[in-house]
Amino acid sequence: MRKIERSGSTEPHIDGCWMSHTKTKSHSLNDMGFKAHLSWRDIQLCVDKIVNQINDSAFKPKHIVGLSRGGLVPATMLANALNVREVYVHGYHSYDDNTNMRDADNPHGVMYQDVVPDLMRNCQGREVLIVDDLCDEGITMLGLLKRLEKKFDDDAIKVRCAALYCKHRSQFKPLYVGEHVDDDWLVFPWEQQLPKQTIRDTIYK
């Protein structure tokens, strides 16, 4: 993988592919900046967009890495849609689980499950897609890309990134994005708890 270079302050250059700031006008999911509760249909639409973007490119991933925890569901959906069997998990968090705020003690995040050894064993010379649900500031994806850059020789692995949603303010822009959004607090379907009665009705229906 080539060394990360920057154009201005936001556009990293990874493996010969510009990940540029998208200029497409995007509406905020909630103009008031409140929580925006996403539906499974919203997720599927974003997955479909990313699949189309990948199919229209020369990049054909053989491995997918889901960034835990938010990226695991989209990684599975993309793996099914792209017929990719080998799916890995990379565990990294940059927000406090109790406050949903940046962890003051670890402003650059904490890695608790490292995918790099698996990729070094199994993915030499292969195409790898890194997936997350939301690219908020880009810290997680950029951190993993820098680790891969240090571990792999030039052109030893081809990496691209995908996110269902990417915020305009993110310092890193994935190549494949379902939708660009502003600063609303997105609540994904797998983060929403169904009423217990609904769960019972679903199980025993």
N, C-alpha and C. Protein backbone atom coordinates (compact mmCIF):
# COMPACT_ATOMS: atom_id res chain seq x y z
N MET A 1 0.85 -1.20 0.00
CA MET A 1 0.00 0.00 0.00
C MET A 1 0.88 1.24 0.00
N ARG A 2 0.52 2.22 -0.83
CA ARG A 2 1.31 3.42 -0.89
C ARG A 2 1.10 4.26 0.36
N LYS A 3 2.07 5.05 0.63
CA LYS A 3 1.99 5.90 1.80
C LYS A 3 0.85 6.90 1.65
N ILE A 4 0.19 7.20 2.76
CA ILE A 4 -0.91 8.16 2.74
C ILE A 4 -0.38 9.55 2.45
N GLU A 5 -0.98 10.18 1.47
CA GLU A 5 -0.63 11.56 1.17
C GLU A 5 -1.87 12.40 1.34
N ARG A 6 -1.71 13.69 1.45
CA ARG A 6 -2.86 14.55 1.64
C ARG A 6 -2.88 15.66 0.60
N SER A 7 -4.07 15.98 0.14
CA SER A 7 -4.28 17.14 -0.72
C SER A 7 -5.11 18.11 0.07
N GLY A 8 -4.57 19.25 0.43
CA GLY A 8 -5.27 20.13 1.34
C GLY A 8 -5.27 19.51 2.72
N SER A 9 -6.47 19.35 3.33
CA SER A 9 -6.53 18.83 4.69
C SER A 9 -7.44 17.63 4.86
N THR A 10 -8.16 17.23 3.79
CA THR A 10 -9.18 16.21 4.01
C THR A 10 -9.12 15.02 3.08
N GLU A 11 -8.33 15.07 2.00
CA GLU A 11 -8.42 14.01 1.01
C GLU A 11 -7.20 13.10 1.03
N PRO A 12 -7.26 11.97 1.73
CA PRO A 12 -6.14 11.03 1.69
C PRO A 12 -6.07 10.35 0.33
N HIS A 13 -4.90 9.93 -0.03
CA HIS A 13 -4.69 9.22 -1.30
C HIS A 13 -4.22 7.82 -0.96
N ILE A 14 -5.09 6.82 -1.09
CA ILE A 14 -4.79 5.46 -0.68
C ILE A 14 -4.74 4.56 -1.90
N ASP A 15 -3.59 3.90 -2.10
CA ASP A 15 -3.48 2.88 -3.14
C ASP A 15 -3.89 3.42 -4.51
N GLY A 16 -3.49 4.64 -4.81
CA GLY A 16 -3.74 5.19 -6.13
C GLY A 16 -5.16 5.63 -6.39
N CYS A 17 -5.98 5.76 -5.35
CA CYS A 17 -7.39 6.11 -5.57
C CYS A 17 -7.75 7.32 -4.72
N TRP A 18 -8.18 8.40 -5.39
CA TRP A 18 -8.56 9.58 -4.62
C TRP A 18 -9.88 9.36 -3.90
N MET A 19 -9.88 9.67 -2.61
CA MET A 19 -11.10 9.60 -1.82
C MET A 19 -11.48 11.06 -1.54
N SER A 20 -12.12 11.67 -2.50
CA SER A 20 -12.30 13.11 -2.45
C SER A 20 -13.58 13.50 -1.74
N HIS A 21 -13.61 14.75 -1.36
CA HIS A 21 -14.79 15.30 -0.69
C HIS A 21 -15.92 15.39 -1.70
N THR A 22 -17.02 14.69 -1.43
CA THR A 22 -18.15 14.70 -2.36
C THR A 22 -18.86 16.05 -2.30
N LYS A 23 -19.12 16.63 -3.44
CA LYS A 23 -19.76 17.94 -3.52
C LYS A 23 -21.27 17.83 -3.72
N THR A 24 -21.78 16.59 -3.84
CA THR A 24 -23.21 16.41 -4.06
C THR A 24 -24.00 16.98 -2.89
N LYS A 25 -25.00 17.79 -3.20
CA LYS A 25 -25.81 18.37 -2.15
C LYS A 25 -26.62 17.29 -1.46
N SER A 26 -26.58 17.27 -0.11
CA SER A 26 -27.29 16.25 0.66
C SER A 26 -28.11 16.92 1.74
N HIS A 27 -29.36 16.50 1.88
CA HIS A 27 -30.20 17.08 2.92
C HIS A 27 -29.87 16.41 4.25
N SER A 28 -30.08 17.16 5.33
CA SER A 28 -29.93 16.59 6.66
C SER A 28 -31.11 15.68 6.93
N LEU A 29 -30.85 14.55 7.61
CA LEU A 29 -31.95 13.64 7.92
C LEU A 29 -32.92 14.26 8.91
N ASN A 30 -32.45 15.24 9.64
CA ASN A 30 -33.33 15.94 10.57
C ASN A 30 -32.80 17.36 10.70
N ASP A 31 -33.51 18.32 10.13
CA ASP A 31 -33.00 19.68 10.06
C ASP A 31 -32.80 20.31 11.43
N MET A 32 -33.44 19.77 12.44
CA MET A 32 -33.32 20.33 13.78
C MET A 32 -32.12 19.74 14.52
N GLY A 33 -31.44 18.75 13.94
CA GLY A 33 -30.28 18.18 14.59
C GLY A 33 -30.61 17.20 15.69
N PHE A 34 -31.86 16.75 15.77
CA PHE A 34 -32.25 15.78 16.77
C PHE A 34 -31.87 14.37 16.32
N LYS A 35 -32.20 13.36 17.11
CA LYS A 35 -31.93 11.99 16.71
C LYS A 35 -32.75 11.62 15.48
N ALA A 36 -32.12 10.99 14.53
CA ALA A 36 -32.80 10.51 13.33
C ALA A 36 -32.82 8.99 13.39
N HIS A 37 -33.98 8.41 13.57
CA HIS A 37 -34.12 6.96 13.67
C HIS A 37 -34.23 6.37 12.27
N LEU A 38 -33.24 5.57 11.91
CA LEU A 38 -33.20 4.98 10.57
C LEU A 38 -33.98 3.68 10.54
N SER A 39 -34.58 3.38 9.41
CA SER A 39 -35.32 2.13 9.23
C SER A 39 -34.44 1.12 8.49
N TRP A 40 -34.88 -0.13 8.48
CA TRP A 40 -34.15 -1.14 7.71
C TRP A 40 -34.19 -0.82 6.22
N ARG A 41 -35.24 -0.16 5.78
CA ARG A 41 -35.31 0.25 4.37
C ARG A 41 -34.23 1.28 4.06
N ASP A 42 -34.00 2.22 4.99
CA ASP A 42 -32.92 3.19 4.82
C ASP A 42 -31.58 2.47 4.64
N ILE A 43 -31.36 1.46 5.48
CA ILE A 43 -30.10 0.72 5.44
C ILE A 43 -29.95 -0.02 4.12
N GLN A 44 -31.04 -0.68 3.70
CA GLN A 44 -30.97 -1.45 2.45
C GLN A 44 -30.70 -0.54 1.25
N LEU A 45 -31.30 0.64 1.25
CA LEU A 45 -31.07 1.58 0.15
C LEU A 45 -29.59 1.98 0.09
N CYS A 46 -28.99 2.22 1.26
CA CYS A 46 -27.57 2.58 1.29
C CYS A 46 -26.69 1.41 0.84
N VAL A 47 -27.03 0.21 1.28
CA VAL A 47 -26.28 -0.97 0.86
C VAL A 47 -26.36 -1.13 -0.66
N ASP A 48 -27.55 -0.97 -1.20
CA ASP A 48 -27.73 -1.10 -2.66
C ASP A 48 -26.89 -0.08 -3.41
N LYS A 49 -26.84 1.16 -2.90
CA LYS A 49 -26.03 2.19 -3.55
C LYS A 49 -24.55 1.81 -3.56
N ILE A 50 -24.08 1.30 -2.42
CA ILE A 50 -22.67 0.92 -2.32
C ILE A 50 -22.36 -0.26 -3.25
N VAL A 51 -23.26 -1.23 -3.30
CA VAL A 51 -23.07 -2.37 -4.20
C VAL A 51 -22.97 -1.90 -5.64
N ASN A 52 -23.83 -0.98 -6.03
CA ASN A 52 -23.80 -0.45 -7.40
C ASN A 52 -22.49 0.29 -7.67
N GLN A 53 -22.02 1.05 -6.70
CA GLN A 53 -20.77 1.79 -6.86
C GLN A 53 -19.59 0.81 -7.05
N ILE A 54 -19.58 -0.25 -6.25
CA ILE A 54 -18.50 -1.24 -6.36
C ILE A 54 -18.58 -1.98 -7.69
N ASN A 55 -19.79 -2.37 -8.08
CA ASN A 55 -19.96 -3.10 -9.35
C ASN A 55 -19.57 -2.25 -10.55
N ASP A 56 -19.70 -0.94 -10.42
CA ASP A 56 -19.33 -0.04 -11.50
C ASP A 56 -17.84 0.27 -11.53
N SER A 57 -17.11 -0.23 -10.54
CA SER A 57 -15.68 0.03 -10.45
C SER A 57 -14.89 -1.22 -10.82
N ALA A 58 -13.58 -1.08 -10.88
CA ALA A 58 -12.71 -2.21 -11.18
C ALA A 58 -12.35 -3.00 -9.92
N PHE A 59 -12.75 -2.49 -8.78
CA PHE A 59 -12.42 -3.11 -7.50
C PHE A 59 -13.39 -4.25 -7.20
N LYS A 60 -12.87 -5.46 -6.99
CA LYS A 60 -13.69 -6.63 -6.70
C LYS A 60 -13.21 -7.26 -5.40
N PRO A 61 -13.81 -6.88 -4.27
CA PRO A 61 -13.31 -7.36 -2.97
C PRO A 61 -13.42 -8.87 -2.80
N LYS A 62 -12.37 -9.45 -2.26
CA LYS A 62 -12.36 -10.88 -1.92
C LYS A 62 -12.53 -11.09 -0.43
N HIS A 63 -12.28 -10.01 0.34
CA HIS A 63 -12.40 -10.06 1.80
C HIS A 63 -13.09 -8.78 2.25
N ILE A 64 -13.88 -8.90 3.33
CA ILE A 64 -14.53 -7.73 3.91
C ILE A 64 -14.19 -7.67 5.39
N VAL A 65 -13.89 -6.46 5.86
CA VAL A 65 -13.62 -6.22 7.28
C VAL A 65 -14.73 -5.33 7.83
N GLY A 66 -15.46 -5.83 8.83
CA GLY A 66 -16.47 -5.03 9.50
C GLY A 66 -15.88 -4.39 10.74
N LEU A 67 -16.06 -3.08 10.87
CA LEU A 67 -15.56 -2.38 12.05
C LEU A 67 -16.59 -2.51 13.17
N SER A 68 -16.18 -3.20 14.23
CA SER A 68 -17.09 -3.48 15.34
C SER A 68 -17.31 -2.21 16.18
N ARG A 69 -18.57 -1.96 16.60
CA ARG A 69 -19.67 -2.88 16.38
C ARG A 69 -20.58 -2.46 15.24
N GLY A 70 -20.62 -1.16 14.96
CA GLY A 70 -21.59 -0.66 14.00
C GLY A 70 -21.45 -1.19 12.59
N GLY A 71 -20.23 -1.57 12.19
CA GLY A 71 -20.02 -2.01 10.83
C GLY A 71 -20.30 -3.47 10.58
N LEU A 72 -20.66 -4.23 11.63
CA LEU A 72 -20.82 -5.68 11.45
C LEU A 72 -22.05 -6.03 10.62
N VAL A 73 -23.17 -5.38 10.88
CA VAL A 73 -24.39 -5.67 10.10
C VAL A 73 -24.22 -5.25 8.64
N PRO A 74 -23.77 -4.01 8.36
CA PRO A 74 -23.56 -3.65 6.96
C PRO A 74 -22.52 -4.52 6.27
N ALA A 75 -21.49 -4.95 7.01
CA ALA A 75 -20.48 -5.83 6.40
C ALA A 75 -21.10 -7.14 5.96
N THR A 76 -21.99 -7.69 6.79
CA THR A 76 -22.67 -8.93 6.44
C THR A 76 -23.59 -8.74 5.24
N MET A 77 -24.32 -7.64 5.23
CA MET A 77 -25.23 -7.37 4.11
C MET A 77 -24.45 -7.19 2.81
N LEU A 78 -23.34 -6.49 2.87
CA LEU A 78 -22.53 -6.30 1.67
C LEU A 78 -21.87 -7.60 1.24
N ALA A 79 -21.45 -8.42 2.20
CA ALA A 79 -20.85 -9.71 1.87
C ALA A 79 -21.86 -10.59 1.13
N ASN A 80 -23.09 -10.60 1.59
CA ASN A 80 -24.14 -11.37 0.91
C ASN A 80 -24.39 -10.83 -0.50
N ALA A 81 -24.48 -9.51 -0.61
CA ALA A 81 -24.80 -8.91 -1.91
C ALA A 81 -23.66 -9.07 -2.91
N LEU A 82 -22.41 -9.08 -2.41
CA LEU A 82 -21.25 -9.17 -3.30
C LEU A 82 -20.70 -10.59 -3.39
N ASN A 83 -21.36 -11.51 -2.70
CA ASN A 83 -20.96 -12.92 -2.70
C ASN A 83 -19.52 -13.09 -2.21
N VAL A 84 -19.22 -12.43 -1.08
CA VAL A 84 -17.91 -12.53 -0.43
C VAL A 84 -18.05 -13.42 0.80
N ARG A 85 -17.24 -14.46 0.86
CA ARG A 85 -17.33 -15.43 1.95
C ARG A 85 -16.51 -15.04 3.17
N GLU A 86 -15.35 -14.44 2.94
CA GLU A 86 -14.41 -14.20 4.03
C GLU A 86 -14.65 -12.81 4.63
N VAL A 87 -15.21 -12.83 5.85
CA VAL A 87 -15.54 -11.59 6.56
C VAL A 87 -14.79 -11.58 7.88
N TYR A 88 -14.11 -10.47 8.16
CA TYR A 88 -13.31 -10.32 9.36
C TYR A 88 -13.87 -9.19 10.23
N VAL A 89 -13.39 -9.16 11.48
CA VAL A 89 -13.85 -8.14 12.43
C VAL A 89 -12.64 -7.38 12.98
N HIS A 90 -12.77 -6.06 12.98
CA HIS A 90 -11.76 -5.21 13.63
C HIS A 90 -12.47 -4.41 14.70
N GLY A 91 -12.01 -4.54 15.93
CA GLY A 91 -12.67 -3.88 17.06
C GLY A 91 -11.95 -2.61 17.48
N TYR A 92 -12.65 -1.50 17.38
CA TYR A 92 -12.05 -0.21 17.71
C TYR A 92 -13.17 0.74 18.10
N HIS A 93 -13.00 1.46 19.18
CA HIS A 93 -14.04 2.45 19.51
C HIS A 93 -13.39 3.75 19.95
N SER A 94 -14.04 4.84 19.60
CA SER A 94 -13.53 6.17 19.94
C SER A 94 -14.52 6.97 20.78
N TYR A 95 -15.64 6.32 21.15
CA TYR A 95 -16.65 6.99 21.97
C TYR A 95 -16.90 6.19 23.24
N ASP A 96 -17.20 6.90 24.32
CA ASP A 96 -17.53 6.26 25.58
C ASP A 96 -18.91 5.62 25.47
N ASP A 97 -19.03 4.34 25.85
CA ASP A 97 -20.29 3.62 25.72
C ASP A 97 -21.40 4.22 26.58
N ASN A 98 -21.04 4.85 27.68
CA ASN A 98 -22.05 5.38 28.60
C ASN A 98 -22.55 6.76 28.20
N THR A 99 -21.68 7.56 27.60
CA THR A 99 -22.05 8.94 27.29
C THR A 99 -22.24 9.20 25.81
N ASN A 100 -21.77 8.26 24.96
CA ASN A 100 -21.77 8.46 23.51
C ASN A 100 -20.98 9.70 23.10
N MET A 101 -20.03 10.08 23.95
CA MET A 101 -19.16 11.21 23.66
C MET A 101 -17.73 10.70 23.46
N ARG A 102 -16.90 11.54 22.85
CA ARG A 102 -15.50 11.18 22.68
C ARG A 102 -14.89 10.86 24.03
N ASP A 103 -14.17 9.74 24.13
CA ASP A 103 -13.53 9.31 25.37
C ASP A 103 -12.37 10.25 25.67
N ALA A 104 -12.52 11.04 26.74
CA ALA A 104 -11.51 12.04 27.07
C ALA A 104 -10.16 11.41 27.41
N ASP A 105 -10.19 10.19 27.97
CA ASP A 105 -8.94 9.52 28.35
C ASP A 105 -8.23 8.92 27.14
N ASN A 106 -8.99 8.66 26.07
CA ASN A 106 -8.41 8.05 24.86
C ASN A 106 -8.96 8.78 23.63
N PRO A 107 -8.52 10.01 23.40
CA PRO A 107 -9.09 10.82 22.32
C PRO A 107 -8.90 10.23 20.94
N HIS A 108 -7.91 9.34 20.78
CA HIS A 108 -7.68 8.73 19.47
C HIS A 108 -8.30 7.34 19.37
N GLY A 109 -9.07 6.94 20.39
CA GLY A 109 -9.75 5.66 20.35
C GLY A 109 -8.94 4.53 20.96
N VAL A 110 -9.63 3.38 21.10
CA VAL A 110 -9.02 2.19 21.70
C VAL A 110 -9.28 1.00 20.79
N MET A 111 -8.25 0.25 20.47
CA MET A 111 -8.40 -0.97 19.68
C MET A 111 -8.49 -2.16 20.62
N TYR A 112 -9.54 -2.98 20.47
CA TYR A 112 -9.71 -4.14 21.33
C TYR A 112 -9.77 -5.45 20.57
N GLN A 113 -9.73 -5.40 19.25
CA GLN A 113 -9.66 -6.61 18.42
C GLN A 113 -8.95 -6.24 17.13
N ASP A 114 -7.80 -6.87 16.89
CA ASP A 114 -6.94 -6.48 15.78
C ASP A 114 -7.08 -7.44 14.61
N VAL A 115 -7.49 -6.92 13.46
CA VAL A 115 -7.70 -7.74 12.27
C VAL A 115 -6.41 -7.92 11.46
N VAL A 116 -5.40 -7.10 11.73
CA VAL A 116 -4.20 -7.09 10.89
C VAL A 116 -3.52 -8.46 10.79
N PRO A 117 -3.33 -9.21 11.89
CA PRO A 117 -2.69 -10.54 11.74
C PRO A 117 -3.45 -11.47 10.79
N ASP A 118 -4.78 -11.44 10.84
CA ASP A 118 -5.57 -12.27 9.93
C ASP A 118 -5.37 -11.83 8.48
N LEU A 119 -5.34 -10.54 8.24
CA LEU A 119 -5.15 -10.04 6.89
C LEU A 119 -3.76 -10.38 6.36
N MET A 120 -2.76 -10.33 7.24
CA MET A 120 -1.40 -10.65 6.81
C MET A 120 -1.27 -12.13 6.44
N ARG A 121 -2.02 -12.99 7.13
CA ARG A 121 -1.98 -14.42 6.82
C ARG A 121 -2.74 -14.76 5.55
N ASN A 122 -3.86 -14.09 5.33
CA ASN A 122 -4.80 -14.56 4.31
C ASN A 122 -5.02 -13.64 3.12
N CYS A 123 -4.56 -12.42 3.17
CA CYS A 123 -5.00 -11.44 2.19
C CYS A 123 -3.89 -10.81 1.37
N GLN A 124 -2.72 -11.40 1.34
CA GLN A 124 -1.64 -10.85 0.53
C GLN A 124 -2.05 -10.83 -0.94
N GLY A 125 -1.91 -9.67 -1.56
CA GLY A 125 -2.24 -9.55 -2.97
C GLY A 125 -3.72 -9.57 -3.28
N ARG A 126 -4.57 -9.42 -2.27
CA ARG A 126 -6.02 -9.51 -2.48
C ARG A 126 -6.68 -8.15 -2.26
N GLU A 127 -7.95 -8.06 -2.66
CA GLU A 127 -8.73 -6.84 -2.50
C GLU A 127 -9.54 -6.94 -1.20
N VAL A 128 -9.45 -5.91 -0.37
CA VAL A 128 -10.10 -5.90 0.95
C VAL A 128 -10.99 -4.67 1.06
N LEU A 129 -12.23 -4.87 1.48
CA LEU A 129 -13.18 -3.78 1.69
C LEU A 129 -13.40 -3.60 3.19
N ILE A 130 -13.15 -2.40 3.69
CA ILE A 130 -13.38 -2.06 5.09
C ILE A 130 -14.73 -1.36 5.19
N VAL A 131 -15.58 -1.82 6.12
CA VAL A 131 -16.97 -1.35 6.16
C VAL A 131 -17.32 -0.83 7.56
N ASP A 132 -18.02 0.29 7.60
CA ASP A 132 -18.57 0.81 8.84
C ASP A 132 -19.96 1.37 8.57
N ASP A 133 -20.74 1.53 9.64
CA ASP A 133 -22.08 2.10 9.46
C ASP A 133 -22.01 3.60 9.24
N LEU A 134 -21.12 4.26 9.99
CA LEU A 134 -21.05 5.72 9.94
C LEU A 134 -19.60 6.18 9.98
N CYS A 135 -19.25 7.05 9.07
CA CYS A 135 -17.95 7.71 9.12
C CYS A 135 -18.21 9.09 9.71
N ASP A 136 -17.98 9.20 11.01
CA ASP A 136 -18.30 10.42 11.74
C ASP A 136 -17.17 11.44 11.60
N GLU A 137 -16.02 11.11 12.17
CA GLU A 137 -14.84 11.95 12.01
C GLU A 137 -13.76 11.26 11.18
N GLY A 138 -13.94 9.94 10.94
CA GLY A 138 -12.99 9.20 10.13
C GLY A 138 -11.82 8.63 10.88
N ILE A 139 -11.84 8.75 12.22
CA ILE A 139 -10.71 8.31 13.03
C ILE A 139 -10.49 6.80 12.93
N THR A 140 -11.58 6.02 12.99
CA THR A 140 -11.45 4.56 13.00
C THR A 140 -10.89 4.05 11.69
N MET A 141 -11.49 4.45 10.58
CA MET A 141 -11.03 3.97 9.28
C MET A 141 -9.61 4.42 8.99
N LEU A 142 -9.33 5.67 9.25
CA LEU A 142 -8.00 6.20 8.96
C LEU A 142 -6.95 5.51 9.82
N GLY A 143 -7.32 5.20 11.08
CA GLY A 143 -6.39 4.51 11.96
C GLY A 143 -6.04 3.12 11.46
N LEU A 144 -7.05 2.37 10.97
CA LEU A 144 -6.79 1.03 10.43
C LEU A 144 -5.96 1.11 9.15
N LEU A 145 -6.25 2.08 8.29
CA LEU A 145 -5.48 2.23 7.05
C LEU A 145 -4.01 2.51 7.36
N LYS A 146 -3.75 3.32 8.37
CA LYS A 146 -2.36 3.61 8.73
C LYS A 146 -1.66 2.36 9.27
N ARG A 147 -2.40 1.54 10.02
CA ARG A 147 -1.81 0.29 10.51
C ARG A 147 -1.47 -0.64 9.35
N LEU A 148 -2.37 -0.74 8.40
CA LEU A 148 -2.12 -1.61 7.24
C LEU A 148 -0.94 -1.09 6.43
N GLU A 149 -0.83 0.21 6.33
CA GLU A 149 0.27 0.82 5.59
C GLU A 149 1.61 0.44 6.20
N LYS A 150 1.66 0.36 7.52
CA LYS A 150 2.91 0.02 8.20
C LYS A 150 3.24 -1.46 8.07
N LYS A 151 2.21 -2.31 7.98
CA LYS A 151 2.43 -3.76 8.01
C LYS A 151 2.67 -4.37 6.64
N PHE A 152 2.08 -3.78 5.60
CA PHE A 152 2.15 -4.39 4.27
C PHE A 152 3.15 -3.64 3.39
N ASP A 153 3.84 -4.39 2.53
CA ASP A 153 4.71 -3.78 1.54
C ASP A 153 3.87 -3.10 0.46
N ASP A 154 4.53 -2.32 -0.37
CA ASP A 154 3.83 -1.64 -1.47
C ASP A 154 3.06 -2.63 -2.33
N ASP A 155 1.80 -2.32 -2.61
CA ASP A 155 0.94 -3.10 -3.51
C ASP A 155 0.68 -4.53 -3.02
N ALA A 156 0.97 -4.82 -1.73
CA ALA A 156 0.73 -6.16 -1.21
C ALA A 156 -0.73 -6.40 -0.91
N ILE A 157 -1.51 -5.32 -0.79
CA ILE A 157 -2.93 -5.45 -0.48
C ILE A 157 -3.65 -4.22 -1.05
N LYS A 158 -4.82 -4.44 -1.63
CA LYS A 158 -5.60 -3.34 -2.18
C LYS A 158 -6.80 -3.11 -1.26
N VAL A 159 -6.89 -1.93 -0.73
CA VAL A 159 -7.90 -1.62 0.28
C VAL A 159 -8.78 -0.48 -0.19
N ARG A 160 -10.08 -0.66 0.00
CA ARG A 160 -11.05 0.41 -0.20
C ARG A 160 -11.96 0.45 1.03
N CYS A 161 -12.60 1.58 1.26
CA CYS A 161 -13.47 1.75 2.42
C CYS A 161 -14.88 2.10 1.99
N ALA A 162 -15.85 1.64 2.79
CA ALA A 162 -17.26 1.93 2.52
C ALA A 162 -17.96 2.26 3.83
N ALA A 163 -18.89 3.18 3.78
CA ALA A 163 -19.72 3.51 4.94
C ALA A 163 -21.14 3.79 4.46
N LEU A 164 -22.11 3.31 5.23
CA LEU A 164 -23.50 3.59 4.88
C LEU A 164 -23.74 5.09 4.85
N TYR A 165 -23.22 5.79 5.87
CA TYR A 165 -23.38 7.23 5.98
C TYR A 165 -22.03 7.87 6.29
N CYS A 166 -21.81 9.04 5.71
CA CYS A 166 -20.58 9.78 5.98
C CYS A 166 -20.95 11.23 6.26
N LYS A 167 -20.47 11.77 7.36
CA LYS A 167 -20.75 13.16 7.69
C LYS A 167 -19.83 14.09 6.90
N HIS A 168 -20.38 15.22 6.51
CA HIS A 168 -19.62 16.17 5.70
C HIS A 168 -18.35 16.61 6.41
N ARG A 169 -18.38 16.66 7.74
CA ARG A 169 -17.23 17.17 8.49
C ARG A 169 -16.14 16.13 8.69
N SER A 170 -16.37 14.90 8.27
CA SER A 170 -15.39 13.84 8.49
C SER A 170 -14.05 14.19 7.84
N GLN A 171 -12.97 13.95 8.56
CA GLN A 171 -11.64 14.23 8.02
C GLN A 171 -11.24 13.20 6.97
N PHE A 172 -11.93 12.05 6.94
CA PHE A 172 -11.65 11.00 5.97
C PHE A 172 -12.92 10.66 5.21
N LYS A 173 -12.83 10.55 3.91
CA LYS A 173 -13.99 10.24 3.07
C LYS A 173 -13.83 8.87 2.44
N PRO A 174 -14.63 7.88 2.83
CA PRO A 174 -14.57 6.58 2.16
C PRO A 174 -14.89 6.72 0.68
N LEU A 175 -14.38 5.80 -0.10
CA LEU A 175 -14.64 5.85 -1.54
C LEU A 175 -16.09 5.53 -1.85
N TYR A 176 -16.65 4.57 -1.11
CA TYR A 176 -18.03 4.13 -1.34
C TYR A 176 -18.90 4.58 -0.18
N VAL A 177 -19.93 5.38 -0.48
CA VAL A 177 -20.80 5.95 0.56
C VAL A 177 -22.25 5.84 0.12
N GLY A 178 -23.11 5.39 1.05
CA GLY A 178 -24.53 5.32 0.75
C GLY A 178 -25.17 6.69 0.72
N GLU A 179 -24.86 7.52 1.71
CA GLU A 179 -25.43 8.87 1.76
C GLU A 179 -24.54 9.77 2.60
N HIS A 180 -24.35 10.99 2.14
CA HIS A 180 -23.62 12.01 2.90
C HIS A 180 -24.63 12.81 3.71
N VAL A 181 -24.32 13.04 4.98
CA VAL A 181 -25.26 13.69 5.89
C VAL A 181 -24.55 14.78 6.69
N ASP A 182 -25.37 15.56 7.38
CA ASP A 182 -24.83 16.62 8.23
C ASP A 182 -24.57 16.06 9.64
N ASP A 183 -24.89 16.82 10.67
CA ASP A 183 -24.47 16.44 12.02
C ASP A 183 -25.57 15.82 12.87
N ASP A 184 -26.59 15.28 12.27
CA ASP A 184 -27.65 14.65 13.06
C ASP A 184 -27.14 13.39 13.73
N TRP A 185 -27.75 13.07 14.84
CA TRP A 185 -27.42 11.86 15.58
C TRP A 185 -28.21 10.71 14.96
N LEU A 186 -27.54 9.83 14.26
CA LEU A 186 -28.21 8.73 13.57
C LEU A 186 -28.36 7.54 14.51
N VAL A 187 -29.56 7.01 14.57
CA VAL A 187 -29.84 5.82 15.37
C VAL A 187 -30.19 4.69 14.40
N PHE A 188 -29.35 3.67 14.37
CA PHE A 188 -29.51 2.58 13.41
C PHE A 188 -30.51 1.55 13.93
N PRO A 189 -31.12 0.78 13.04
CA PRO A 189 -32.15 -0.18 13.47
C PRO A 189 -31.66 -1.16 14.53
N TRP A 190 -30.41 -1.58 14.43
CA TRP A 190 -29.89 -2.56 15.40
C TRP A 190 -29.58 -1.90 16.75
N GLU A 191 -29.70 -0.57 16.83
CA GLU A 191 -29.53 0.13 18.10
C GLU A 191 -30.86 0.44 18.77
N GLN A 192 -31.94 0.16 18.07
CA GLN A 192 -33.26 0.48 18.59
C GLN A 192 -33.89 -0.76 19.23
N GLN A 193 -34.37 -0.60 20.44
CA GLN A 193 -34.96 -1.72 21.17
C GLN A 193 -36.46 -1.76 20.94
N LEU A 194 -36.93 -2.91 20.46
CA LEU A 194 -38.36 -3.08 20.25
C LEU A 194 -39.08 -3.27 21.59
N PRO A 195 -40.32 -2.85 21.70
CA PRO A 195 -41.09 -3.15 22.91
C PRO A 195 -41.16 -4.65 23.14
N LYS A 196 -41.15 -5.06 24.39
CA LYS A 196 -41.15 -6.50 24.70
C LYS A 196 -42.37 -7.21 24.12
N GLN A 197 -43.52 -6.54 24.13
CA GLN A 197 -44.72 -7.16 23.59
C GLN A 197 -44.55 -7.46 22.11
N THR A 198 -43.89 -6.53 21.40
CA THR A 198 -43.65 -6.73 19.98
C THR A 198 -42.73 -7.92 19.76
N ILE A 199 -41.71 -8.06 20.61
CA ILE A 199 -40.79 -9.19 20.49
C ILE A 199 -41.53 -10.50 20.72
N ARG A 200 -42.36 -10.56 21.76
CA ARG A 200 -43.12 -11.78 22.04
C ARG A 200 -44.07 -12.11 20.90
N ASP A 201 -44.74 -11.07 20.38
CA ASP A 201 -45.66 -11.29 19.27
C ASP A 201 -44.93 -11.84 18.05
N THR A 202 -43.70 -11.33 17.83
CA THR A 202 -42.92 -11.77 16.69
C THR A 202 -42.49 -13.22 16.85
N ILE A 203 -42.05 -13.58 18.05
CA ILE A 203 -41.55 -14.94 18.30
C ILE A 203 -42.66 -15.98 18.24
N TYR A 204 -43.79 -15.66 18.83
CA TYR A 204 -44.86 -16.66 18.96
C TYR A 204 -45.98 -16.48 17.94
N LYS A 205 -45.75 -15.67 16.95
CA LYS A 205 -46.79 -15.43 15.94
C LYS A 205 -47.10 -16.70 15.16
